[in-house]
Amino acid sequence: MSMGIPWIWKPGYSFPRKSQTKAMNSFENEKLELVESLFADDTTILGTREEIFIGRNSFMEVMNMFEEKCYPDKEEHLFFGESESESIRMLGSFVGRKRDNQERL
């Protein structure tokens, strides 16, 4: 069984509007599943395996333009549906139900 966040993307647009059900040009909407999350502090990047590091690099470029610092050692790489991600803590809870219950008891 595949785990992830279903997403509909229209090539050429950053975020498709819900009302866009038909393609406005020769490109058709694409359905994909976001299967990874890369986050640190209050920033989260979602994407497919191929997109996640492109998004990270783009984010770091923008941060550098504003003379902000990125701390790679604070990043967490979450793979949706994979057991190695169960010990990752996000928004105050562990991703894995068993680990989260143990920590709360």
PDB file of N, CA and C in Angstrom:
ATOM      1  N   MET A   1       0.837  -1.174   0.000  1.00  0.00           N
ATOM      2  CA  MET A   1       0.000   0.000   0.000  1.00  0.00           C
ATOM      3  C   MET A   1       0.885   1.240   0.000  1.00  0.00           C
ATOM      4  N   SER A   2       0.584   2.186  -0.853  1.00  0.00           N
ATOM      5  CA  SER A   2       1.349   3.420  -0.966  1.00  0.00           C
ATOM      6  C   SER A   2       0.869   4.436   0.074  1.00  0.00           C
ATOM      7  N   MET A   3       1.808   5.160   0.679  1.00  0.00           N
ATOM      8  CA  MET A   3       1.476   6.190   1.661  1.00  0.00           C
ATOM      9  C   MET A   3       1.950   7.527   1.125  1.00  0.00           C
ATOM     10  N   GLY A   4       1.185   8.559   1.330  1.00  0.00           N
ATOM     11  CA  GLY A   4       1.581   9.885   0.904  1.00  0.00           C
ATOM     12  C   GLY A   4       0.393  10.824   0.884  1.00  0.00           C
ATOM     13  N   ILE A   5       0.606  12.000   0.339  1.00  0.00           N
ATOM     14  CA  ILE A   5      -0.432  13.010   0.239  1.00  0.00           C
ATOM     15  C   ILE A   5      -0.798  13.163  -1.228  1.00  0.00           C
ATOM     16  N   PRO A   6      -2.063  12.877  -1.590  1.00  0.00           N
ATOM     17  CA  PRO A   6      -2.450  13.039  -2.995  1.00  0.00           C
ATOM     18  C   PRO A   6      -2.403  14.512  -3.401  1.00  0.00           C
ATOM     19  N   TRP A   7      -1.948  14.787  -4.601  1.00  0.00           N
ATOM     20  CA  TRP A   7      -1.773  16.162  -5.063  1.00  0.00           C
ATOM     21  C   TRP A   7      -2.072  16.218  -6.554  1.00  0.00           C
ATOM     22  N   ILE A   8      -2.751  17.258  -6.963  1.00  0.00           N
ATOM     23  CA  ILE A   8      -2.969  17.480  -8.395  1.00  0.00           C
ATOM     24  C   ILE A   8      -2.170  18.719  -8.766  1.00  0.00           C
ATOM     25  N   TRP A   9      -1.335  18.584  -9.776  1.00  0.00           N
ATOM     26  CA  TRP A   9      -0.428  19.664 -10.174  1.00  0.00           C
ATOM     27  C   TRP A   9      -0.619  19.958 -11.643  1.00  0.00           C
ATOM     28  N   LYS A  10      -0.616  21.237 -11.965  1.00  0.00           N
ATOM     29  CA  LYS A  10      -0.718  21.676 -13.347  1.00  0.00           C
ATOM     30  C   LYS A  10       0.649  22.214 -13.746  1.00  0.00           C
ATOM     31  N   PRO A  11       1.308  21.587 -14.713  1.00  0.00           N
ATOM     32  CA  PRO A  11       2.627  22.080 -15.128  1.00  0.00           C
ATOM     33  C   PRO A  11       2.586  23.564 -15.453  1.00  0.00           C
ATOM     34  N   GLY A  12       3.567  24.295 -14.940  1.00  0.00           N
ATOM     35  CA  GLY A  12       3.639  25.732 -15.167  1.00  0.00           C
ATOM     36  C   GLY A  12       3.038  26.547 -14.042  1.00  0.00           C
ATOM     37  N   TYR A  13       2.366  25.907 -13.088  1.00  0.00           N
ATOM     38  CA  TYR A  13       1.755  26.596 -11.962  1.00  0.00           C
ATOM     39  C   TYR A  13       2.356  26.065 -10.671  1.00  0.00           C
ATOM     40  N   SER A  14       2.586  26.979  -9.700  1.00  0.00           N
ATOM     41  CA  SER A  14       3.124  26.536  -8.421  1.00  0.00           C
ATOM     42  C   SER A  14       2.090  25.743  -7.637  1.00  0.00           C
ATOM     43  N   PHE A  15       0.917  26.322  -7.423  1.00  0.00           N
ATOM     44  CA  PHE A  15      -0.140  25.657  -6.681  1.00  0.00           C
ATOM     45  C   PHE A  15      -1.429  25.745  -7.482  1.00  0.00           C
ATOM     46  N   PRO A  16      -1.955  24.620  -7.941  1.00  0.00           N
ATOM     47  CA  PRO A  16      -3.186  24.666  -8.721  1.00  0.00           C
ATOM     48  C   PRO A  16      -4.377  25.059  -7.856  1.00  0.00           C
ATOM     49  N   ARG A  17      -5.281  25.836  -8.426  1.00  0.00           N
ATOM     50  CA  ARG A  17      -6.502  26.192  -7.722  1.00  0.00           C
ATOM     51  C   ARG A  17      -7.459  25.024  -7.788  1.00  0.00           C
ATOM     52  N   LYS A  18      -8.294  24.888  -6.753  1.00  0.00           N
ATOM     53  CA  LYS A  18      -9.266  23.799  -6.734  1.00  0.00           C
ATOM     54  C   LYS A  18     -10.221  23.888  -7.911  1.00  0.00           C
ATOM     55  N   SER A  19     -10.541  25.118  -8.333  1.00  0.00           N
ATOM     56  CA  SER A  19     -11.514  25.293  -9.411  1.00  0.00           C
ATOM     57  C   SER A  19     -10.944  24.919 -10.777  1.00  0.00           C
ATOM     58  N   GLN A  20      -9.640  24.742 -10.868  1.00  0.00           N
ATOM     59  CA  GLN A  20      -9.038  24.381 -12.154  1.00  0.00           C
ATOM     60  C   GLN A  20      -9.149  22.883 -12.362  1.00  0.00           C
ATOM     61  N   THR A  21     -10.192  22.456 -13.013  1.00  0.00           N
ATOM     62  CA  THR A  21     -10.340  21.021 -13.266  1.00  0.00           C
ATOM     63  C   THR A  21      -9.952  20.665 -14.679  1.00  0.00           C
ATOM     64  N   LYS A  22      -9.933  21.624 -15.570  1.00  0.00           N
ATOM     65  CA  LYS A  22      -9.553  21.376 -16.965  1.00  0.00           C
ATOM     66  C   LYS A  22      -8.278  22.161 -17.265  1.00  0.00           C
ATOM     67  N   ALA A  23      -7.479  21.612 -18.109  1.00  0.00           N
ATOM     68  CA  ALA A  23      -6.242  22.292 -18.495  1.00  0.00           C
ATOM     69  C   ALA A  23      -6.564  23.535 -19.304  1.00  0.00           C
ATOM     70  N   MET A  24      -5.852  24.627 -19.023  1.00  0.00           N
ATOM     71  CA  MET A  24      -6.096  25.874 -19.731  1.00  0.00           C
ATOM     72  C   MET A  24      -5.247  25.980 -20.989  1.00  0.00           C
ATOM     73  N   ASN A  25      -4.298  25.093 -21.143  1.00  0.00           N
ATOM     74  CA  ASN A  25      -3.458  25.090 -22.340  1.00  0.00           C
ATOM     75  C   ASN A  25      -3.182  23.638 -22.722  1.00  0.00           C
ATOM     76  N   SER A  26      -2.112  23.399 -23.426  1.00  0.00           N
ATOM     77  CA  SER A  26      -1.847  22.045 -23.894  1.00  0.00           C
ATOM     78  C   SER A  26      -1.416  21.095 -22.777  1.00  0.00           C
ATOM     79  N   PHE A  27      -1.071  21.628 -21.604  1.00  0.00           N
ATOM     80  CA  PHE A  27      -0.662  20.776 -20.491  1.00  0.00           C
ATOM     81  C   PHE A  27      -1.889  20.279 -19.738  1.00  0.00           C
ATOM     82  N   GLU A  28      -1.884  19.035 -19.377  1.00  0.00           N
ATOM     83  CA  GLU A  28      -2.973  18.456 -18.603  1.00  0.00           C
ATOM     84  C   GLU A  28      -2.579  18.416 -17.129  1.00  0.00           C
ATOM     85  N   ASN A  29      -3.574  18.458 -16.251  1.00  0.00           N
ATOM     86  CA  ASN A  29      -3.304  18.300 -14.824  1.00  0.00           C
ATOM     87  C   ASN A  29      -2.687  16.930 -14.577  1.00  0.00           C
ATOM     88  N   GLU A  30      -1.763  16.874 -13.658  1.00  0.00           N
ATOM     89  CA  GLU A  30      -1.126  15.612 -13.313  1.00  0.00           C
ATOM     90  C   GLU A  30      -1.463  15.264 -11.876  1.00  0.00           C
ATOM     91  N   LYS A  31      -1.812  14.021 -11.639  1.00  0.00           N
ATOM     92  CA  LYS A  31      -2.035  13.546 -10.280  1.00  0.00           C
ATOM     93  C   LYS A  31      -0.752  12.887  -9.810  1.00  0.00           C
ATOM     94  N   LEU A  32      -0.305  13.245  -8.616  1.00  0.00           N
ATOM     95  CA  LEU A  32       0.886  12.623  -8.062  1.00  0.00           C
ATOM     96  C   LEU A  32       0.704  12.473  -6.570  1.00  0.00           C
ATOM     97  N   GLU A  33       1.600  11.773  -5.956  1.00  0.00           N
ATOM     98  CA  GLU A  33       1.545  11.548  -4.527  1.00  0.00           C
ATOM     99  C   GLU A  33       2.847  12.025  -3.899  1.00  0.00           C
ATOM    100  N   LEU A  34       2.737  12.976  -2.966  1.00  0.00           N
ATOM    101  CA  LEU A  34       3.907  13.460  -2.253  1.00  0.00           C
ATOM    102  C   LEU A  34       4.256  12.425  -1.198  1.00  0.00           C
ATOM    103  N   VAL A  35       5.474  11.934  -1.234  1.00  0.00           N
ATOM    104  CA  VAL A  35       5.849  10.818  -0.368  1.00  0.00           C
ATOM    105  C   VAL A  35       6.942  11.160   0.642  1.00  0.00           C
ATOM    106  N   GLU A  36       7.423  12.402   0.619  1.00  0.00           N
ATOM    107  CA  GLU A  36       8.477  12.788   1.542  1.00  0.00           C
ATOM    108  C   GLU A  36       8.215  14.167   2.101  1.00  0.00           C
ATOM    109  N   SER A  37       8.808  14.436   3.240  1.00  0.00           N
ATOM    110  CA  SER A  37       8.750  15.752   3.848  1.00  0.00           C
ATOM    111  C   SER A  37      10.126  16.048   4.425  1.00  0.00           C
ATOM    112  N   LEU A  38      10.612  17.232   4.191  1.00  0.00           N
ATOM    113  CA  LEU A  38      11.879  17.671   4.764  1.00  0.00           C
ATOM    114  C   LEU A  38      11.558  18.930   5.552  1.00  0.00           C
ATOM    115  N   PHE A  39      11.826  18.929   6.857  1.00  0.00           N
ATOM    116  CA  PHE A  39      11.441  20.086   7.646  1.00  0.00           C
ATOM    117  C   PHE A  39      12.479  20.400   8.709  1.00  0.00           C
ATOM    118  N   ALA A  40      12.504  21.658   9.092  1.00  0.00           N
ATOM    119  CA  ALA A  40      13.327  22.137  10.192  1.00  0.00           C
ATOM    120  C   ALA A  40      12.594  23.323  10.800  1.00  0.00           C
ATOM    121  N   ASP A  41      12.443  23.298  12.111  1.00  0.00           N
ATOM    122  CA  ASP A  41      11.711  24.348  12.816  1.00  0.00           C
ATOM    123  C   ASP A  41      10.316  24.517  12.230  1.00  0.00           C
ATOM    124  N   ASP A  42      10.051  25.674  11.640  1.00  0.00           N
ATOM    125  CA  ASP A  42       8.696  25.953  11.159  1.00  0.00           C
ATOM    126  C   ASP A  42       8.585  25.927   9.639  1.00  0.00           C
ATOM    127  N   THR A  43       9.525  25.300   8.960  1.00  0.00           N
ATOM    128  CA  THR A  43       9.503  25.230   7.494  1.00  0.00           C
ATOM    129  C   THR A  43       9.394  23.777   7.063  1.00  0.00           C
ATOM    130  N   THR A  44       8.467  23.499   6.151  1.00  0.00           N
ATOM    131  CA  THR A  44       8.299  22.143   5.641  1.00  0.00           C
ATOM    132  C   THR A  44       8.288  22.159   4.129  1.00  0.00           C
ATOM    133  N   ILE A  45       9.030  21.257   3.524  1.00  0.00           N
ATOM    134  CA  ILE A  45       9.057  21.103   2.070  1.00  0.00           C
ATOM    135  C   ILE A  45       8.503  19.722   1.761  1.00  0.00           C
ATOM    136  N   LEU A  46       7.476  19.667   0.920  1.00  0.00           N
ATOM    137  CA  LEU A  46       6.887  18.397   0.518  1.00  0.00           C
ATOM    138  C   LEU A  46       7.185  18.145  -0.939  1.00  0.00           C
ATOM    139  N   GLY A  47       7.328  16.891  -1.311  1.00  0.00           N
ATOM    140  CA  GLY A  47       7.549  16.584  -2.712  1.00  0.00           C
ATOM    141  C   GLY A  47       7.724  15.109  -2.954  1.00  0.00           C
ATOM    142  N   THR A  48       7.944  14.790  -4.197  1.00  0.00           N
ATOM    143  CA  THR A  48       8.284  13.426  -4.549  1.00  0.00           C
ATOM    144  C   THR A  48       9.761  13.235  -4.235  1.00  0.00           C
ATOM    145  N   ARG A  49      10.230  12.022  -4.314  1.00  0.00           N
ATOM    146  CA  ARG A  49      11.643  11.768  -4.010  1.00  0.00           C
ATOM    147  C   ARG A  49      12.567  12.599  -4.894  1.00  0.00           C
ATOM    148  N   GLU A  50      12.187  12.779  -6.150  1.00  0.00           N
ATOM    149  CA  GLU A  50      13.029  13.533  -7.076  1.00  0.00           C
ATOM    150  C   GLU A  50      13.003  15.037  -6.781  1.00  0.00           C
ATOM    151  N   GLU A  51      11.899  15.529  -6.232  1.00  0.00           N
ATOM    152  CA  GLU A  51      11.734  16.970  -6.042  1.00  0.00           C
ATOM    153  C   GLU A  51      12.252  17.498  -4.714  1.00  0.00           C
ATOM    154  N   ILE A  52      12.370  16.646  -3.709  1.00  0.00           N
ATOM    155  CA  ILE A  52      12.620  17.125  -2.357  1.00  0.00           C
ATOM    156  C   ILE A  52      13.926  17.901  -2.221  1.00  0.00           C
ATOM    157  N   PHE A  53      14.978  17.438  -2.850  1.00  0.00           N
ATOM    158  CA  PHE A  53      16.257  18.140  -2.704  1.00  0.00           C
ATOM    159  C   PHE A  53      16.342  19.366  -3.598  1.00  0.00           C
ATOM    160  N   ILE A  54      15.625  19.362  -4.716  1.00  0.00           N
ATOM    161  CA  ILE A  54      15.532  20.573  -5.542  1.00  0.00           C
ATOM    162  C   ILE A  54      14.843  21.671  -4.735  1.00  0.00           C
ATOM    163  N   GLY A  55      13.768  21.304  -4.043  1.00  0.00           N
ATOM    164  CA  GLY A  55      13.055  22.263  -3.192  1.00  0.00           C
ATOM    165  C   GLY A  55      13.927  22.777  -2.066  1.00  0.00           C
ATOM    166  N   ARG A  56      14.706  21.892  -1.470  1.00  0.00           N
ATOM    167  CA  ARG A  56      15.610  22.295  -0.378  1.00  0.00           C
ATOM    168  C   ARG A  56      16.647  23.295  -0.882  1.00  0.00           C
ATOM    169  N   ASN A  57      17.241  23.001  -2.030  1.00  0.00           N
ATOM    170  CA  ASN A  57      18.258  23.899  -2.572  1.00  0.00           C
ATOM    171  C   ASN A  57      17.661  25.254  -2.941  1.00  0.00           C
ATOM    172  N   SER A  58      16.462  25.258  -3.504  1.00  0.00           N
ATOM    173  CA  SER A  58      15.796  26.525  -3.847  1.00  0.00           C
ATOM    174  C   SER A  58      15.515  27.325  -2.583  1.00  0.00           C
ATOM    175  N   PHE A  59      15.058  26.653  -1.541  1.00  0.00           N
ATOM    176  CA  PHE A  59      14.782  27.322  -0.270  1.00  0.00           C
ATOM    177  C   PHE A  59      16.051  27.943   0.299  1.00  0.00           C
ATOM    178  N   MET A  60      17.156  27.201   0.253  1.00  0.00           N
ATOM    179  CA  MET A  60      18.416  27.715   0.785  1.00  0.00           C
ATOM    180  C   MET A  60      18.908  28.928  -0.016  1.00  0.00           C
ATOM    181  N   GLU A  61      18.700  28.919  -1.334  1.00  0.00           N
ATOM    182  CA  GLU A  61      19.089  30.068  -2.160  1.00  0.00           C
ATOM    183  C   GLU A  61      18.324  31.316  -1.740  1.00  0.00           C
ATOM    184  N   VAL A  62      17.019  31.170  -1.519  1.00  0.00           N
ATOM    185  CA  VAL A  62      16.203  32.316  -1.101  1.00  0.00           C
ATOM    186  C   VAL A  62      16.639  32.791   0.279  1.00  0.00           C
ATOM    187  N   MET A  63      16.892  31.873   1.186  1.00  0.00           N
ATOM    188  CA  MET A  63      17.355  32.262   2.522  1.00  0.00           C
ATOM    189  C   MET A  63      18.667  33.044   2.433  1.00  0.00           C
ATOM    190  N   ASN A  64      19.566  32.599   1.576  1.00  0.00           N
ATOM    191  CA  ASN A  64      20.842  33.303   1.409  1.00  0.00           C
ATOM    192  C   ASN A  64      20.645  34.701   0.852  1.00  0.00           C
ATOM    193  N   MET A  65      19.653  34.892  -0.035  1.00  0.00           N
ATOM    194  CA  MET A  65      19.386  36.234  -0.583  1.00  0.00           C
ATOM    195  C   MET A  65      18.999  37.210   0.521  1.00  0.00           C
ATOM    196  N   PHE A  66      18.370  36.701   1.590  1.00  0.00           N
ATOM    197  CA  PHE A  66      17.974  37.542   2.713  1.00  0.00           C
ATOM    198  C   PHE A  66      18.972  37.462   3.858  1.00  0.00           C
ATOM    199  N   GLU A  67      20.140  36.892   3.575  1.00  0.00           N
ATOM    200  CA  GLU A  67      21.212  36.744   4.546  1.00  0.00           C
ATOM    201  C   GLU A  67      20.772  35.980   5.790  1.00  0.00           C
ATOM    202  N   GLU A  68      19.912  35.006   5.585  1.00  0.00           N
ATOM    203  CA  GLU A  68      19.458  34.134   6.663  1.00  0.00           C
ATOM    204  C   GLU A  68      20.281  32.851   6.632  1.00  0.00           C
ATOM    205  N   LYS A  69      20.363  32.171   7.760  1.00  0.00           N
ATOM    206  CA  LYS A  69      21.145  30.944   7.845  1.00  0.00           C
ATOM    207  C   LYS A  69      20.234  29.725   7.867  1.00  0.00           C
ATOM    208  N   CYS A  70      20.712  28.648   7.263  1.00  0.00           N
ATOM    209  CA  CYS A  70      20.057  27.349   7.322  1.00  0.00           C
ATOM    210  C   CYS A  70      20.943  26.427   8.156  1.00  0.00           C
ATOM    211  N   TYR A  71      20.327  25.582   8.941  1.00  0.00           N
ATOM    212  CA  TYR A  71      21.075  24.668   9.789  1.00  0.00           C
ATOM    213  C   TYR A  71      20.723  23.231   9.409  1.00  0.00           C
ATOM    214  N   PRO A  72      21.489  22.637   8.479  1.00  0.00           N
ATOM    215  CA  PRO A  72      21.188  21.271   8.018  1.00  0.00           C
ATOM    216  C   PRO A  72      21.107  20.237   9.139  1.00  0.00           C
ATOM    217  N   ASP A  73      21.835  20.445  10.254  1.00  0.00           N
ATOM    218  CA  ASP A  73      21.800  19.478  11.344  1.00  0.00           C
ATOM    219  C   ASP A  73      20.460  19.493  12.085  1.00  0.00           C
ATOM    220  N   LYS A  74      19.626  20.501  11.825  1.00  0.00           N
ATOM    221  CA  LYS A  74      18.300  20.557  12.452  1.00  0.00           C
ATOM    222  C   LYS A  74      17.216  19.986  11.539  1.00  0.00           C
ATOM    223  N   GLU A  75      17.572  19.578  10.324  1.00  0.00           N
ATOM    224  CA  GLU A  75      16.588  19.059   9.383  1.00  0.00           C
ATOM    225  C   GLU A  75      16.193  17.631   9.728  1.00  0.00           C
ATOM    226  N   GLU A  76      14.949  17.296   9.462  1.00  0.00           N
ATOM    227  CA  GLU A  76      14.444  15.931   9.600  1.00  0.00           C
ATOM    228  C   GLU A  76      13.883  15.523   8.247  1.00  0.00           C
ATOM    229  N   HIS A  77      14.248  14.362   7.786  1.00  0.00           N
ATOM    230  CA  HIS A  77      13.778  13.859   6.489  1.00  0.00           C
ATOM    231  C   HIS A  77      12.784  12.746   6.763  1.00  0.00           C
ATOM    232  N   LEU A  78      11.530  13.011   6.489  1.00  0.00           N
ATOM    233  CA  LEU A  78      10.442  12.080   6.776  1.00  0.00           C
ATOM    234  C   LEU A  78       9.986  11.395   5.502  1.00  0.00           C
ATOM    235  N   PHE A  79      10.007  10.063   5.504  1.00  0.00           N
ATOM    236  CA  PHE A  79       9.485   9.267   4.393  1.00  0.00           C
ATOM    237  C   PHE A  79       8.133   8.732   4.841  1.00  0.00           C
ATOM    238  N   PHE A  80       7.051   9.191   4.218  1.00  0.00           N
ATOM    239  CA  PHE A  80       5.722   8.749   4.616  1.00  0.00           C
ATOM    240  C   PHE A  80       5.576   7.241   4.468  1.00  0.00           C
ATOM    241  N   GLY A  81       5.073   6.591   5.516  1.00  0.00           N
ATOM    242  CA  GLY A  81       4.783   5.166   5.473  1.00  0.00           C
ATOM    243  C   GLY A  81       5.971   4.253   5.688  1.00  0.00           C
ATOM    244  N   GLU A  82       7.148   4.786   5.972  1.00  0.00           N
ATOM    245  CA  GLU A  82       8.322   3.940   6.178  1.00  0.00           C
ATOM    246  C   GLU A  82       8.697   3.923   7.660  1.00  0.00           C
ATOM    247  N   SER A  83       9.054   2.749   8.165  1.00  0.00           N
ATOM    248  CA  SER A  83       9.297   2.568   9.594  1.00  0.00           C
ATOM    249  C   SER A  83      10.443   3.428  10.125  1.00  0.00           C
ATOM    250  N   GLU A  84      11.411   3.751   9.279  1.00  0.00           N
ATOM    251  CA  GLU A  84      12.540   4.567   9.759  1.00  0.00           C
ATOM    252  C   GLU A  84      12.104   5.974  10.176  1.00  0.00           C
ATOM    253  N   SER A  85      10.920   6.401   9.767  1.00  0.00           N
ATOM    254  CA  SER A  85      10.432   7.736  10.111  1.00  0.00           C
ATOM    255  C   SER A  85       9.616   7.763  11.391  1.00  0.00           C
ATOM    256  N   GLU A  86       9.362   6.600  11.991  1.00  0.00           N
ATOM    257  CA  GLU A  86       8.509   6.544  13.179  1.00  0.00           C
ATOM    258  C   GLU A  86       9.087   7.276  14.377  1.00  0.00           C
ATOM    259  N   SER A  87      10.407   7.447  14.438  1.00  0.00           N
ATOM    260  CA  SER A  87      11.018   8.112  15.585  1.00  0.00           C
ATOM    261  C   SER A  87      11.225   9.604  15.355  1.00  0.00           C
ATOM    262  N   ILE A  88      10.711  10.119  14.258  1.00  0.00           N
ATOM    263  CA  ILE A  88      10.829  11.550  13.980  1.00  0.00           C
ATOM    264  C   ILE A  88       9.716  12.298  14.699  1.00  0.00           C
ATOM    265  N   ARG A  89      10.075  13.383  15.314  1.00  0.00           N
ATOM    266  CA  ARG A  89       9.114  14.209  16.039  1.00  0.00           C
ATOM    267  C   ARG A  89       8.765  15.418  15.179  1.00  0.00           C
ATOM    268  N   MET A  90       7.474  15.622  14.952  1.00  0.00           N
ATOM    269  CA  MET A  90       7.004  16.746  14.138  1.00  0.00           C
ATOM    270  C   MET A  90       5.804  17.366  14.821  1.00  0.00           C
ATOM    271  N   LEU A  91       5.848  18.664  15.012  1.00  0.00           N
ATOM    272  CA  LEU A  91       4.767  19.408  15.662  1.00  0.00           C
ATOM    273  C   LEU A  91       4.416  18.824  17.031  1.00  0.00           C
ATOM    274  N   GLY A  92       5.436  18.441  17.781  1.00  0.00           N
ATOM    275  CA  GLY A  92       5.237  17.981  19.146  1.00  0.00           C
ATOM    276  C   GLY A  92       4.849  16.531  19.312  1.00  0.00           C
ATOM    277  N   SER A  93       4.727  15.776  18.231  1.00  0.00           N
ATOM    278  CA  SER A  93       4.357  14.357  18.321  1.00  0.00           C
ATOM    279  C   SER A  93       5.300  13.531  17.472  1.00  0.00           C
ATOM    280  N   PHE A  94       5.523  12.287  17.911  1.00  0.00           N
ATOM    281  CA  PHE A  94       6.303  11.370  17.098  1.00  0.00           C
ATOM    282  C   PHE A  94       5.416  10.839  15.983  1.00  0.00           C
ATOM    283  N   VAL A  95       5.980  10.638  14.806  1.00  0.00           N
ATOM    284  CA  VAL A  95       5.223  10.160  13.658  1.00  0.00           C
ATOM    285  C   VAL A  95       4.674   8.763  13.920  1.00  0.00           C
ATOM    286  N   GLY A  96       5.466   7.901  14.525  1.00  0.00           N
ATOM    287  CA  GLY A  96       5.016   6.542  14.827  1.00  0.00           C
ATOM    288  C   GLY A  96       4.104   6.519  16.044  1.00  0.00           C
ATOM    289  N   ARG A  97       2.942   5.922  15.903  1.00  0.00           N
ATOM    290  CA  ARG A  97       1.954   5.883  16.985  1.00  0.00           C
ATOM    291  C   ARG A  97       2.509   5.211  18.236  1.00  0.00           C
ATOM    292  N   LYS A  98       3.200   4.071  18.079  1.00  0.00           N
ATOM    293  CA  LYS A  98       3.740   3.357  19.238  1.00  0.00           C
ATOM    294  C   LYS A  98       4.761   4.214  19.985  1.00  0.00           C
ATOM    295  N   ARG A  99       5.672   4.812  19.239  1.00  0.00           N
ATOM    296  CA  ARG A  99       6.699   5.658  19.865  1.00  0.00           C
ATOM    297  C   ARG A  99       6.061   6.859  20.555  1.00  0.00           C
ATOM    298  N   ASP A 100       5.064   7.459  19.937  1.00  0.00           N
ATOM    299  CA  ASP A 100       4.406   8.618  20.537  1.00  0.00           C
ATOM    300  C   ASP A 100       3.690   8.221  21.824  1.00  0.00           C
ATOM    301  N   ASN A 101       3.014   7.077  21.808  1.00  0.00           N
ATOM    302  CA  ASN A 101       2.329   6.603  23.033  1.00  0.00           C
ATOM    303  C   ASN A 101       3.324   6.314  24.146  1.00  0.00           C
ATOM    304  N   GLN A 102       4.461   5.696  23.830  1.00  0.00           N
ATOM    305  CA  GLN A 102       5.480   5.406  24.840  1.00  0.00           C
ATOM    306  C   GLN A 102       5.993   6.685  25.477  1.00  0.00           C
ATOM    307  N   GLU A 103       6.259   7.679  24.662  1.00  0.00           N
ATOM    308  CA  GLU A 103       6.797   8.943  25.172  1.00  0.00           C
ATOM    309  C   GLU A 103       5.777   9.687  26.025  1.00  0.00           C
ATOM    310  N   ARG A 104       4.505   9.566  25.683  1.00  0.00           N
ATOM    311  CA  ARG A 104       3.467  10.271  26.441  1.00  0.00           C
ATOM    312  C   ARG A 104       3.162   9.588  27.785  1.00  0.00           C
ATOM    313  N   LEU A 105       3.391   8.254  27.855  1.00  0.00           N
ATOM    314  CA  LEU A 105       3.166   7.550  29.129  1.00  0.00           C
ATOM    315  C   LEU A 105       4.292   7.851  30.080  1.00  0.00           C
TER     316      LEU A 105
END
